[in-house]
Amino acid sequence: MATILLKLVVVLLLSQLAFGFLGFLPLWADIAVTGLLAVAALATPWRFFWHSEVDTARRLRDTSRSRLVFACAIALGGPVFCIAADLWFASRYPRYADGSWLAGPLWDVLIAAPFVLVAVLILATALSRPAAAIAALGLGAISALAYWSFATTDSSTAALAFLIPWFYGFPGVVLIFLVDGAVRSLTRRRTAGQAREM
């Protein structure tokens, strides 16, 4: 039951990502892509993948304390970056700022939630450090875009810009994790195949 629930969550995240990036397509094409993603996610045998991820993560946590430090740096650095971006954009574009803030520190911490997902994936899975760094840099860019979008428009729906890190951040982090896992899996298989040949 937990496996099906996890697969459904992945399907929802991937479909949300597909709808976001394929918004220029007609609705029927978006639905077709979402259906293909759902079939692929539900048909994939994940048990071996997750056992391998959890075992490797446990081994990495036991042998390297720097993963914990790296995860904490991302988990704490994300909200700090969002607060700094909020203050900077509020001072640069004071027209829409409420005092010194565009969103406020509490909202900044909530906007930075995808950074916590990266930190959790570092600790709970075998997510590589380069992939985590790419995810954190991408989240920083997306968050800065959200603040800039809010600060430079006079639209009545400008506050929706603060949802950009959630709409694109969470699915983007999951996508980076899946690509990283696939690359690590292929590298392990290739290395094992070369070792058998010798």
Protein backbone atom coordinates (compact mmCIF):
# COMPACT_ATOMS: atom_id res chain seq x y z
CA MET A 1 0.00 0.00 0.00
CA ALA A 2 2.82 2.41 0.88
CA THR A 3 4.49 1.72 -2.47
CA ILE A 4 1.34 2.59 -4.41
CA LEU A 5 0.87 5.73 -2.33
CA LEU A 6 4.47 6.77 -2.99
CA LYS A 7 4.03 6.11 -6.71
CA LEU A 8 0.86 8.20 -6.75
CA VAL A 9 2.69 11.08 -5.07
CA VAL A 10 5.41 10.86 -7.69
CA VAL A 11 2.80 10.80 -10.44
CA LEU A 12 1.17 13.91 -9.04
CA LEU A 13 4.50 15.71 -8.77
CA LEU A 14 5.56 14.71 -12.25
CA SER A 15 2.21 15.63 -13.73
CA GLN A 16 2.35 19.02 -12.06
CA LEU A 17 5.84 19.47 -13.50
CA ALA A 18 4.65 18.38 -16.95
CA PHE A 19 1.71 20.79 -16.82
CA GLY A 20 4.07 23.57 -15.77
CA PHE A 21 6.66 23.03 -18.48
CA LEU A 22 4.28 21.93 -21.21
CA GLY A 23 1.71 24.66 -20.68
CA PHE A 24 2.12 25.81 -24.27
CA LEU A 25 0.62 22.52 -25.51
CA PRO A 26 -3.11 21.95 -25.85
CA LEU A 27 -4.88 20.43 -22.86
CA TRP A 28 -5.24 17.02 -24.53
CA ALA A 29 -1.45 16.83 -24.99
CA ASP A 30 -0.86 17.74 -21.34
CA ILE A 31 -3.26 15.01 -20.29
CA ALA A 32 -1.52 12.51 -22.59
CA VAL A 33 1.90 13.35 -21.15
CA THR A 34 0.53 13.07 -17.62
CA GLY A 35 -0.99 9.69 -18.47
CA LEU A 36 2.33 8.45 -19.84
CA LEU A 37 4.11 9.65 -16.71
CA ALA A 38 1.54 7.89 -14.54
CA VAL A 39 1.93 4.61 -16.41
CA ALA A 40 5.74 4.83 -16.27
CA ALA A 41 5.76 5.65 -12.55
CA LEU A 42 3.29 2.91 -11.63
CA ALA A 43 5.01 0.27 -13.79
CA THR A 44 8.51 0.94 -12.52
CA PRO A 45 9.80 -1.62 -10.00
CA TRP A 46 10.83 0.73 -7.21
CA ARG A 47 11.50 -1.69 -4.39
CA PHE A 48 15.08 -2.44 -5.45
CA PHE A 49 15.74 1.24 -6.12
CA TRP A 50 14.52 2.36 -2.68
CA HIS A 51 16.34 -0.42 -0.82
CA SER A 52 19.53 0.55 -2.60
CA GLU A 53 18.96 4.26 -1.87
CA VAL A 54 18.29 3.73 1.84
CA ASP A 55 21.21 1.30 2.30
CA THR A 56 23.63 3.60 0.51
CA ALA A 57 22.37 6.62 2.48
CA ARG A 58 22.85 4.76 5.77
CA ARG A 59 26.39 3.79 4.78
CA LEU A 60 27.20 7.34 3.69
CA ARG A 61 25.80 8.83 6.92
CA ASP A 62 27.86 6.39 9.00
CA THR A 63 31.11 7.03 7.13
CA SER A 64 30.84 10.75 6.40
CA ARG A 65 29.63 13.42 8.82
CA SER A 66 30.09 16.02 6.10
CA ARG A 67 26.77 14.92 4.53
CA LEU A 68 25.00 16.04 7.69
CA VAL A 69 26.83 19.37 7.59
CA PHE A 70 26.00 19.80 3.89
CA ALA A 71 22.32 19.00 4.50
CA CYS A 72 22.16 21.46 7.40
CA ALA A 73 23.85 24.13 5.29
CA ILE A 74 21.22 23.74 2.57
CA ALA A 75 18.31 23.52 5.04
CA LEU A 76 19.42 26.68 6.85
CA GLY A 77 20.92 28.46 3.85
CA GLY A 78 17.66 28.34 1.87
CA PRO A 79 15.62 30.41 4.34
CA VAL A 80 18.55 32.77 4.91
CA PHE A 81 18.83 33.29 1.15
CA CYS A 82 15.08 33.92 0.83
CA ILE A 83 15.12 36.45 3.68
CA ALA A 84 18.13 38.20 2.12
CA ALA A 85 16.47 38.21 -1.31
CA ASP A 86 13.29 39.62 0.20
CA LEU A 87 15.18 42.44 1.88
CA TRP A 88 17.27 43.18 -1.20
CA PHE A 89 14.34 43.29 -3.62
CA ALA A 90 12.29 45.34 -1.11
CA SER A 91 15.08 47.94 -0.94
CA ARG A 92 15.62 47.87 -4.69
CA TYR A 93 11.90 48.09 -5.56
CA PRO A 94 10.29 49.87 -2.57
CA ARG A 95 7.03 50.61 -4.42
CA TYR A 96 5.45 47.30 -3.39
CA ALA A 97 7.38 46.74 -0.17
CA ASP A 98 5.58 46.75 3.15
CA GLY A 99 8.23 48.53 5.18
CA SER A 100 11.45 46.60 4.60
CA TRP A 101 9.79 43.43 3.33
CA LEU A 102 8.02 42.15 0.25
CA ALA A 103 6.73 38.97 1.90
CA GLY A 104 8.02 39.02 5.47
CA PRO A 105 10.35 36.62 7.31
CA LEU A 106 7.70 34.00 8.10
CA TRP A 107 6.62 33.78 4.46
CA ASP A 108 10.27 33.73 3.40
CA VAL A 109 10.83 30.62 5.50
CA LEU A 110 7.74 29.00 3.96
CA ILE A 111 8.89 29.95 0.45
CA ALA A 112 12.19 28.18 1.22
CA ALA A 113 10.50 24.82 1.97
CA PRO A 114 11.91 23.12 -1.17
CA PHE A 115 15.41 23.64 0.26
CA VAL A 116 14.38 21.44 3.21
CA LEU A 117 13.31 18.74 0.75
CA VAL A 118 16.83 18.77 -0.72
CA ALA A 119 18.30 18.42 2.79
CA VAL A 120 15.98 15.52 3.62
CA LEU A 121 16.92 13.77 0.37
CA ILE A 122 20.61 14.19 1.20
CA LEU A 123 20.10 12.52 4.58
CA ALA A 124 17.51 9.88 3.65
CA THR A 125 18.78 8.83 0.22
CA ALA A 126 22.03 8.60 -1.68
CA LEU A 127 21.48 11.90 -3.52
CA SER A 128 24.88 13.02 -4.75
CA ARG A 129 26.37 16.30 -3.60
CA PRO A 130 26.65 17.77 -7.12
CA ALA A 131 22.96 17.01 -7.73
CA ALA A 132 22.04 18.56 -4.38
CA ALA A 133 24.13 21.64 -5.17
CA ILE A 134 22.48 21.97 -8.59
CA ALA A 135 19.06 21.65 -6.93
CA ALA A 136 19.94 24.30 -4.32
CA LEU A 137 21.27 26.70 -6.96
CA GLY A 138 18.17 26.16 -9.09
CA LEU A 139 15.94 26.78 -6.08
CA GLY A 140 17.86 29.96 -5.33
CA ALA A 141 17.31 31.18 -8.88
CA ILE A 142 13.62 30.26 -8.78
CA SER A 143 13.18 32.01 -5.42
CA ALA A 144 14.94 35.15 -6.65
CA LEU A 145 12.68 35.09 -9.71
CA ALA A 146 9.64 34.93 -7.44
CA TYR A 147 10.72 38.00 -5.46
CA TRP A 148 11.63 39.88 -8.62
CA SER A 149 8.30 38.98 -10.24
CA PHE A 150 6.38 40.28 -7.25
CA ALA A 151 8.49 43.43 -6.89
CA THR A 152 8.28 44.54 -10.51
CA THR A 153 4.59 44.17 -11.33
CA ASP A 154 1.46 46.03 -10.36
CA SER A 155 -0.85 43.15 -11.19
CA SER A 156 -3.51 42.23 -8.66
CA THR A 157 -2.29 38.63 -8.79
CA ALA A 158 1.37 39.49 -8.16
CA ALA A 159 1.39 37.62 -4.85
CA LEU A 160 0.99 34.36 -6.77
CA ALA A 161 4.65 34.80 -7.74
CA PHE A 162 5.55 33.62 -4.24
CA LEU A 163 4.16 30.19 -5.17
CA ILE A 164 6.72 29.77 -7.95
CA PRO A 165 9.28 28.07 -5.66
CA TRP A 166 6.64 25.56 -4.62
CA PHE A 167 5.14 24.94 -8.07
CA TYR A 168 8.50 24.47 -9.75
CA GLY A 169 10.81 23.83 -6.80
CA PHE A 170 9.30 20.64 -5.38
CA PRO A 171 8.85 18.88 -8.74
CA GLY A 172 12.25 20.13 -9.90
CA VAL A 173 13.96 18.67 -6.83
CA VAL A 174 12.16 15.35 -7.34
CA LEU A 175 13.18 15.36 -11.01
CA ILE A 176 16.82 16.05 -10.12
CA PHE A 177 16.68 13.24 -7.56
CA LEU A 178 15.26 10.79 -10.10
CA VAL A 179 17.80 11.74 -12.77
CA ASP A 180 20.63 11.52 -10.23
CA GLY A 181 19.39 8.09 -9.11
CA ALA A 182 19.22 6.87 -12.70
CA VAL A 183 22.74 8.11 -13.43
CA ARG A 184 24.10 6.51 -10.25
CA SER A 185 22.33 3.24 -11.08
CA LEU A 186 23.74 3.17 -14.62
CA THR A 187 27.22 3.98 -13.31
CA ARG A 188 27.01 1.13 -10.77
CA ARG A 189 25.91 -1.32 -13.45
CA ARG A 190 28.66 -0.23 -15.82
CA THR A 191 31.30 -0.48 -13.09
CA ALA A 192 30.02 -3.94 -12.07
CA GLY A 193 30.06 -5.06 -15.71
CA GLN A 194 33.64 -3.85 -16.18
CA ALA A 195 34.72 -5.59 -12.96
CA ARG A 196 33.24 -8.89 -14.18
CA GLU A 197 35.10 -8.59 -17.49
CA MET A 198 38.44 -8.32 -15.71
